[in-house]
C-alpha atoms as a PDB file:
ATOM      1  CA  MET A   1      12.130  -4.696   7.573  1.00  0.00           C
ATOM      2  CA  GLN A   2      10.675  -1.729   9.387  1.00  0.00           C
ATOM      3  CA  ASN A   3      12.841   1.368   9.654  1.00  0.00           C
ATOM      4  CA  LEU A   4      12.821   3.910  12.436  1.00  0.00           C
ATOM      5  CA  ILE A   5      14.487   7.142  11.388  1.00  0.00           C
ATOM      6  CA  ILE A   6      15.429   9.295  14.336  1.00  0.00           C
ATOM      7  CA  TYR A   7      15.428  12.872  13.147  1.00  0.00           C
ATOM      8  CA  LYS A   8      17.353  15.578  15.016  1.00  0.00           C
ATOM      9  CA  PHE A   9      17.173  13.635  18.267  1.00  0.00           C
ATOM     10  CA  THR A  10      20.605  12.096  18.926  1.00  0.00           C
ATOM     11  CA  GLN A  11      19.942  11.328  22.597  1.00  0.00           C
ATOM     12  CA  LEU A  12      17.168   8.948  21.629  1.00  0.00           C
ATOM     13  CA  TYR A  13      19.349   7.370  18.965  1.00  0.00           C
ATOM     14  CA  ASP A  14      22.056   6.693  21.566  1.00  0.00           C
ATOM     15  CA  ILE A  15      19.522   4.949  23.818  1.00  0.00           C
ATOM     16  CA  PHE A  16      18.155   2.820  20.973  1.00  0.00           C
ATOM     17  CA  GLU A  17      21.630   1.988  19.766  1.00  0.00           C
ATOM     18  CA  GLU A  18      22.386   0.453  23.176  1.00  0.00           C
ATOM     19  CA  ILE A  19      19.346  -1.815  22.998  1.00  0.00           C
ATOM     20  CA  SER A  20      19.300  -2.358  19.226  1.00  0.00           C
ATOM     21  CA  PHE A  21      19.813  -6.115  19.622  1.00  0.00           C
ATOM     22  CA  TYR A  22      16.351  -6.355  21.212  1.00  0.00           C
ATOM     23  CA  LEU A  23      14.511  -4.192  18.689  1.00  0.00           C
ATOM     24  CA  ASN A  24      12.391  -5.548  15.833  1.00  0.00           C
ATOM     25  CA  PHE A  25      13.176  -2.589  13.571  1.00  0.00           C
ATOM     26  CA  LYS A  26      16.240  -0.981  12.079  1.00  0.00           C
ATOM     27  CA  ILE A  27      17.286   2.402  13.476  1.00  0.00           C
ATOM     28  CA  THR A  28      18.922   5.253  11.604  1.00  0.00           C
ATOM     29  CA  CYS A  29      19.814   8.719  12.777  1.00  0.00           C
ATOM     30  CA  VAL A  30      19.765  11.810  10.554  1.00  0.00           C
ATOM     31  CA  ASP A  31      20.326  15.411  11.503  1.00  0.00           C
ATOM     32  CA  ASN A  32      19.285  17.438   8.447  1.00  0.00           C
ATOM     33  CA  GLN A  33      16.547  17.563   5.825  1.00  0.00           C
ATOM     34  CA  ASN A  34      18.767  16.479   2.922  1.00  0.00           C
ATOM     35  CA  SER A  35      19.939  13.360   4.746  1.00  0.00           C
ATOM     36  CA  LEU A  36      16.351  12.586   5.690  1.00  0.00           C
ATOM     37  CA  ASP A  37      15.179  12.950   2.091  1.00  0.00           C
ATOM     38  CA  ASP A  38      17.958  10.623   0.933  1.00  0.00           C
ATOM     39  CA  LYS A  39      17.045   7.983   3.541  1.00  0.00           C
ATOM     40  CA  LEU A  40      13.339   8.139   2.697  1.00  0.00           C
ATOM     41  CA  LYS A  41      14.130   7.424  -0.965  1.00  0.00           C
ATOM     42  CA  ILE A  42      15.878   4.156  -0.136  1.00  0.00           C
ATOM     43  CA  LEU A  43      14.103   2.952   3.021  1.00  0.00           C
ATOM     44  CA  ASN A  44      10.617   1.503   2.810  1.00  0.00           C
ATOM     45  CA  ASN A  45       8.268   1.187   5.791  1.00  0.00           C
ATOM     46  CA  SER A  46       9.797   4.180   7.518  1.00  0.00           C
ATOM     47  CA  LEU A  47       8.576   5.886  10.642  1.00  0.00           C
ATOM     48  CA  ILE A  48      10.231   9.171  11.571  1.00  0.00           C
ATOM     49  CA  ILE A  49      10.570  10.015  15.230  1.00  0.00           C
ATOM     50  CA  SER A  50      11.647  13.396  16.566  1.00  0.00           C
ATOM     51  CA  ASN A  51      11.124  15.590  19.585  1.00  0.00           C
ATOM     52  CA  LYS A  52       9.245  18.301  17.672  1.00  0.00           C
ATOM     53  CA  ARG A  53       6.771  18.440  14.805  1.00  0.00           C
ATOM     54  CA  HIS A  54       8.109  19.032  11.300  1.00  0.00           C
ATOM     55  CA  LEU A  55       5.306  20.131   8.999  1.00  0.00           C
ATOM     56  CA  ASN A  56       6.546  18.615   5.769  1.00  0.00           C
ATOM     57  CA  LEU A  57       6.953  15.041   7.023  1.00  0.00           C
ATOM     58  CA  ASP A  58       4.597  12.085   6.639  1.00  0.00           C
ATOM     59  CA  ASN A  59       4.672   9.115   9.007  1.00  0.00           C
ATOM     60  CA  GLN A  60       6.117  11.089  11.838  1.00  0.00           C
ATOM     61  CA  PHE A  61       5.893  10.324  15.528  1.00  0.00           C
ATOM     62  CA  VAL A  62       6.584  13.287  17.783  1.00  0.00           C
ATOM     63  CA  LEU A  63       7.895  12.420  21.201  1.00  0.00           C
ATOM     64  CA  GLU A  64       6.759  15.414  23.213  1.00  0.00           C
ATOM     65  CA  ASN A  65       6.167  13.967  26.671  1.00  0.00           C
ATOM     66  CA  THR A  66       9.593  13.063  27.973  1.00  0.00           C
ATOM     67  CA  PRO A  67      10.874  11.401  30.024  1.00  0.00           C
ATOM     68  CA  MET A  68       8.966   8.294  29.091  1.00  0.00           C
ATOM     69  CA  ASN A  69       9.190   4.686  30.116  1.00  0.00           C
ATOM     70  CA  ILE A  70      11.172   2.827  27.424  1.00  0.00           C
ATOM     71  CA  ILE A  71       8.702  -0.072  27.348  1.00  0.00           C
ATOM     72  CA  LYS A  72       5.836   2.364  26.789  1.00  0.00           C
ATOM     73  CA  LEU A  73       7.825   4.120  24.058  1.00  0.00           C
ATOM     74  CA  LEU A  74       8.513   0.831  22.266  1.00  0.00           C
ATOM     75  CA  GLU A  75       4.820  -0.070  22.471  1.00  0.00           C
ATOM     76  CA  GLU A  76       3.910   3.294  20.919  1.00  0.00           C
ATOM     77  CA  ILE A  77       6.461   2.817  18.135  1.00  0.00           C
ATOM     78  CA  ASN A  78       5.182  -0.689  17.374  1.00  0.00           C
ATOM     79  CA  ILE A  79       1.592   0.610  17.227  1.00  0.00           C
ATOM     80  CA  LYS A  80       2.691   3.322  14.799  1.00  0.00           C
ATOM     81  CA  PHE A  81       4.439   0.710  12.657  1.00  0.00           C
ATOM     82  CA  LEU A  82       1.286  -1.428  12.580  1.00  0.00           C
ATOM     83  CA  LYS A  83      -0.804   1.548  11.467  1.00  0.00           C
ATOM     84  CA  LEU A  84       1.774   2.444   8.832  1.00  0.00           C
ATOM     85  CA  LYS A  85       1.807  -1.119   7.531  1.00  0.00           C
ATOM     86  CA  SER A  86      -1.986  -1.231   7.385  1.00  0.00           C
ATOM     87  CA  ASN A  87      -2.181   2.071   5.504  1.00  0.00           C
ATOM     88  CA  THR A  88       0.594   1.134   3.111  1.00  0.00           C
ATOM     89  CA  GLN A  89      -0.810  -2.283   2.295  1.00  0.00           C
ATOM     90  CA  SER A  90      -4.349  -1.014   1.848  1.00  0.00           C
ATOM     91  CA  LYS A  91      -3.566   1.215  -1.131  1.00  0.00           C
ATOM     92  CA  ILE A  92      -2.413   0.120  -4.561  1.00  0.00           C
ATOM     93  CA  VAL A  93      -1.588   2.376  -7.485  1.00  0.00           C
ATOM     94  CA  ILE A  94      -2.441   0.987 -10.899  1.00  0.00           C
ATOM     95  CA  ASN A  95      -1.698   3.340 -13.763  1.00  0.00           C
ATOM     96  CA  LYS A  96      -3.414   6.615 -12.828  1.00  0.00           C
ATOM     97  CA  TYR A  97      -5.806   4.988 -10.360  1.00  0.00           C
ATOM     98  CA  LEU A  98      -5.593   4.496  -6.605  1.00  0.00           C
ATOM     99  CA  ILE A  99      -7.300   1.420  -5.226  1.00  0.00           C
ATOM    100  CA  ASN A 100      -8.138   1.540  -1.543  1.00  0.00           C
ATOM    101  CA  LEU A 101      -8.604  -2.029  -0.335  1.00  0.00           C
ATOM    102  CA  ASN A 102     -10.127  -0.971   2.983  1.00  0.00           C
ATOM    103  CA  SER A 103     -12.907   1.150   1.501  1.00  0.00           C
ATOM    104  CA  ARG A 104     -13.099  -0.967  -1.704  1.00  0.00           C
ATOM    105  CA  GLU A 105     -12.870   2.068  -3.951  1.00  0.00           C
ATOM    106  CA  ILE A 106     -10.985   2.982  -7.065  1.00  0.00           C
ATOM    107  CA  SER A 107     -10.306   6.676  -7.498  1.00  0.00           C
ATOM    108  CA  TYR A 108      -8.726   9.148  -9.833  1.00  0.00           C
ATOM    109  CA  SER A 109      -8.683  12.893  -9.309  1.00  0.00           C
ATOM    110  CA  ASP A 110     -11.949  13.753  -7.515  1.00  0.00           C
ATOM    111  CA  PHE A 111     -13.866  10.727  -8.810  1.00  0.00           C
ATOM    112  CA  LYS A 112     -14.427   7.481  -6.905  1.00  0.00           C
ATOM    113  CA  VAL A 113     -16.375   4.329  -7.526  1.00  0.00           C
ATOM    114  CA  LYS A 114     -17.153   1.469  -5.157  1.00  0.00           C
ATOM    115  CA  LEU A 115     -15.936  -1.979  -6.123  1.00  0.00           C
ATOM    116  CA  THR A 116     -16.941  -5.449  -5.028  1.00  0.00           C
ATOM    117  CA  GLU A 117     -14.394  -7.772  -3.475  1.00  0.00           C
ATOM    118  CA  LYS A 118     -14.284  -9.895  -6.652  1.00  0.00           C
ATOM    119  CA  GLU A 119     -13.759  -6.794  -8.792  1.00  0.00           C
ATOM    120  CA  ILE A 120     -10.784  -5.821  -6.648  1.00  0.00           C
ATOM    121  CA  ASP A 121      -9.450  -9.386  -6.746  1.00  0.00           C
ATOM    122  CA  THR A 122      -9.788  -9.413 -10.542  1.00  0.00           C
ATOM    123  CA  ILE A 123      -8.029  -6.070 -10.989  1.00  0.00           C
ATOM    124  CA  ILE A 124      -5.171  -7.062  -8.687  1.00  0.00           C
ATOM    125  CA  TYR A 125      -4.772 -10.465 -10.346  1.00  0.00           C
ATOM    126  CA  LEU A 126      -4.703  -8.932 -13.824  1.00  0.00           C
ATOM    127  CA  PHE A 127      -2.294  -6.211 -12.708  1.00  0.00           C
ATOM    128  CA  ASN A 128       0.105  -8.664 -11.069  1.00  0.00           C
ATOM    129  CA  ALA A 129       0.025 -10.965 -14.102  1.00  0.00           C
ATOM    130  CA  LYS A 130       1.478  -8.200 -16.323  1.00  0.00           C
ATOM    131  CA  LYS A 131       0.202 -10.115 -19.368  1.00  0.00           C
ATOM    132  CA  SER A 132      -3.059 -11.345 -20.847  1.00  0.00           C
ATOM    133  CA  VAL A 133      -4.880 -13.807 -18.604  1.00  0.00           C
ATOM    134  CA  GLU A 134      -7.214 -16.444 -20.004  1.00  0.00           C
ATOM    135  CA  ILE A 135     -10.752 -16.754 -18.707  1.00  0.00           C
ATOM    136  CA  ASN A 136     -10.198 -20.249 -17.303  1.00  0.00           C
ATOM    137  CA  GLU A 137      -7.194 -18.991 -15.307  1.00  0.00           C
ATOM    138  CA  LEU A 138      -9.330 -16.202 -13.807  1.00  0.00           C
ATOM    139  CA  GLN A 139     -12.072 -18.739 -13.040  1.00  0.00           C
ATOM    140  CA  LYS A 140      -9.595 -20.933 -11.216  1.00  0.00           C
ATOM    141  CA  LYS A 141      -7.491 -18.288  -9.438  1.00  0.00           C
ATOM    142  CA  VAL A 142     -10.053 -15.573  -8.625  1.00  0.00           C
ATOM    143  CA  TRP A 143     -13.335 -17.519  -8.422  1.00  0.00           C
ATOM    144  CA  SER A 144     -11.912 -20.936  -7.434  1.00  0.00           C
ATOM    145  CA  TYR A 145     -13.950 -22.663 -10.163  1.00  0.00           C
ATOM    146  CA  GLN A 146     -12.795 -25.798 -11.882  1.00  0.00           C
ATOM    147  CA  THR A 147     -11.696 -25.076 -15.422  1.00  0.00           C
ATOM    148  CA  ASP A 148     -14.025 -27.623 -17.038  1.00  0.00           C
ATOM    149  CA  ILE A 149     -17.194 -25.882 -15.762  1.00  0.00           C
ATOM    150  CA  GLU A 150     -19.014 -23.828 -18.403  1.00  0.00           C
ATOM    151  CA  THR A 151     -19.792 -20.404 -16.951  1.00  0.00           C
ATOM    152  CA  HIS A 152     -19.792 -16.796 -18.046  1.00  0.00           C
ATOM    153  CA  THR A 153     -19.069 -15.408 -14.581  1.00  0.00           C
ATOM    154  CA  VAL A 154     -15.731 -13.894 -15.550  1.00  0.00           C
ATOM    155  CA  GLU A 155     -17.048 -12.250 -18.689  1.00  0.00           C
ATOM    156  CA  THR A 156     -20.086 -10.851 -16.838  1.00  0.00           C
ATOM    157  CA  HIS A 157     -18.000  -9.443 -13.981  1.00  0.00           C
ATOM    158  CA  ILE A 158     -15.441  -7.886 -16.302  1.00  0.00           C
ATOM    159  CA  TYR A 159     -18.220  -6.406 -18.457  1.00  0.00           C
ATOM    160  CA  ARG A 160     -19.764  -4.766 -15.370  1.00  0.00           C
ATOM    161  CA  LEU A 161     -16.380  -3.612 -14.090  1.00  0.00           C
ATOM    162  CA  ARG A 162     -15.467  -2.052 -17.438  1.00  0.00           C
ATOM    163  CA  LYS A 163     -18.855  -0.335 -17.499  1.00  0.00           C
ATOM    164  CA  LYS A 164     -18.227   1.173 -14.022  1.00  0.00           C
ATOM    165  CA  ILE A 165     -14.780   2.419 -15.044  1.00  0.00           C
ATOM    166  CA  LEU A 166     -16.096   3.858 -18.301  1.00  0.00           C
ATOM    167  CA  SER A 167     -19.078   5.640 -16.740  1.00  0.00           C
ATOM    168  CA  THR A 168     -17.064   7.118 -13.845  1.00  0.00           C
ATOM    169  CA  PHE A 169     -13.699   7.848 -15.434  1.00  0.00           C
ATOM    170  CA  GLY A 170     -14.435   7.766 -19.167  1.00  0.00           C
ATOM    171  CA  ASP A 171     -11.731   5.119 -19.573  1.00  0.00           C
ATOM    172  CA  ASP A 172     -12.500   2.316 -22.009  1.00  0.00           C
ATOM    173  CA  LYS A 173      -8.934   0.959 -22.029  1.00  0.00           C
ATOM    174  CA  PHE A 174      -8.400   0.059 -18.359  1.00  0.00           C
ATOM    175  CA  ILE A 175      -9.113  -3.637 -18.963  1.00  0.00           C
ATOM    176  CA  LEU A 176      -8.425  -4.807 -22.484  1.00  0.00           C
ATOM    177  CA  SER A 177      -9.522  -8.055 -24.063  1.00  0.00           C
ATOM    178  CA  ASN A 178      -7.777  -9.965 -26.807  1.00  0.00           C
ATOM    179  CA  LYS A 179      -7.538 -13.529 -28.109  1.00  0.00           C
ATOM    180  CA  LYS A 180      -5.456 -14.552 -25.094  1.00  0.00           C
ATOM    181  CA  GLY A 181      -7.843 -13.123 -22.479  1.00  0.00           C
ATOM    182  CA  TYR A 182      -7.904  -9.948 -20.396  1.00  0.00           C
ATOM    183  CA  GLN A 183      -5.209  -7.607 -19.217  1.00  0.00           C
ATOM    184  CA  ILE A 184      -4.769  -4.286 -17.460  1.00  0.00           C
ATOM    185  CA  TYR A 185      -3.765  -1.562 -19.908  1.00  0.00           C
ATOM    186  CA  TRP A 186      -0.255  -0.203 -19.294  1.00  0.00           C
END
């Protein structure tokens, strides 16, 4: 569920409250920084709308040109929600690393390295598994190979991926191997 937090703008909240049945997002009104901080801790996918810019806020939409057609305003809000969703879904944090799915990069501090699509798929699959994953499972789930085919694709890709991580970040424990397969180090 998308959440629109109306910050220090009660007139807009009153308008949205009247038409809330027709909205595809939840609306909340807050009038001070502490209340806003509390709401942001518990509400995901939040867009903050106000009638003036507040420097310390992310994901804010400032409604400066009023009056505005309500249909146009709702279109603008929906566009902002789409951008927020795209940005949120394109970044994954794994341990100390940030993976940007759009740019296909893994980064830490000031260092970045480009990844292939299969490398990203492998990292995400291993991370989501939260346990060791056997080679044949990776072949089937990431590469869509049948398990009875003899191939070293997984081992080769993981070897190259580990080499990239080691040479860029000096981390030789990001992907571990054991008797049961591979796993992301926690």
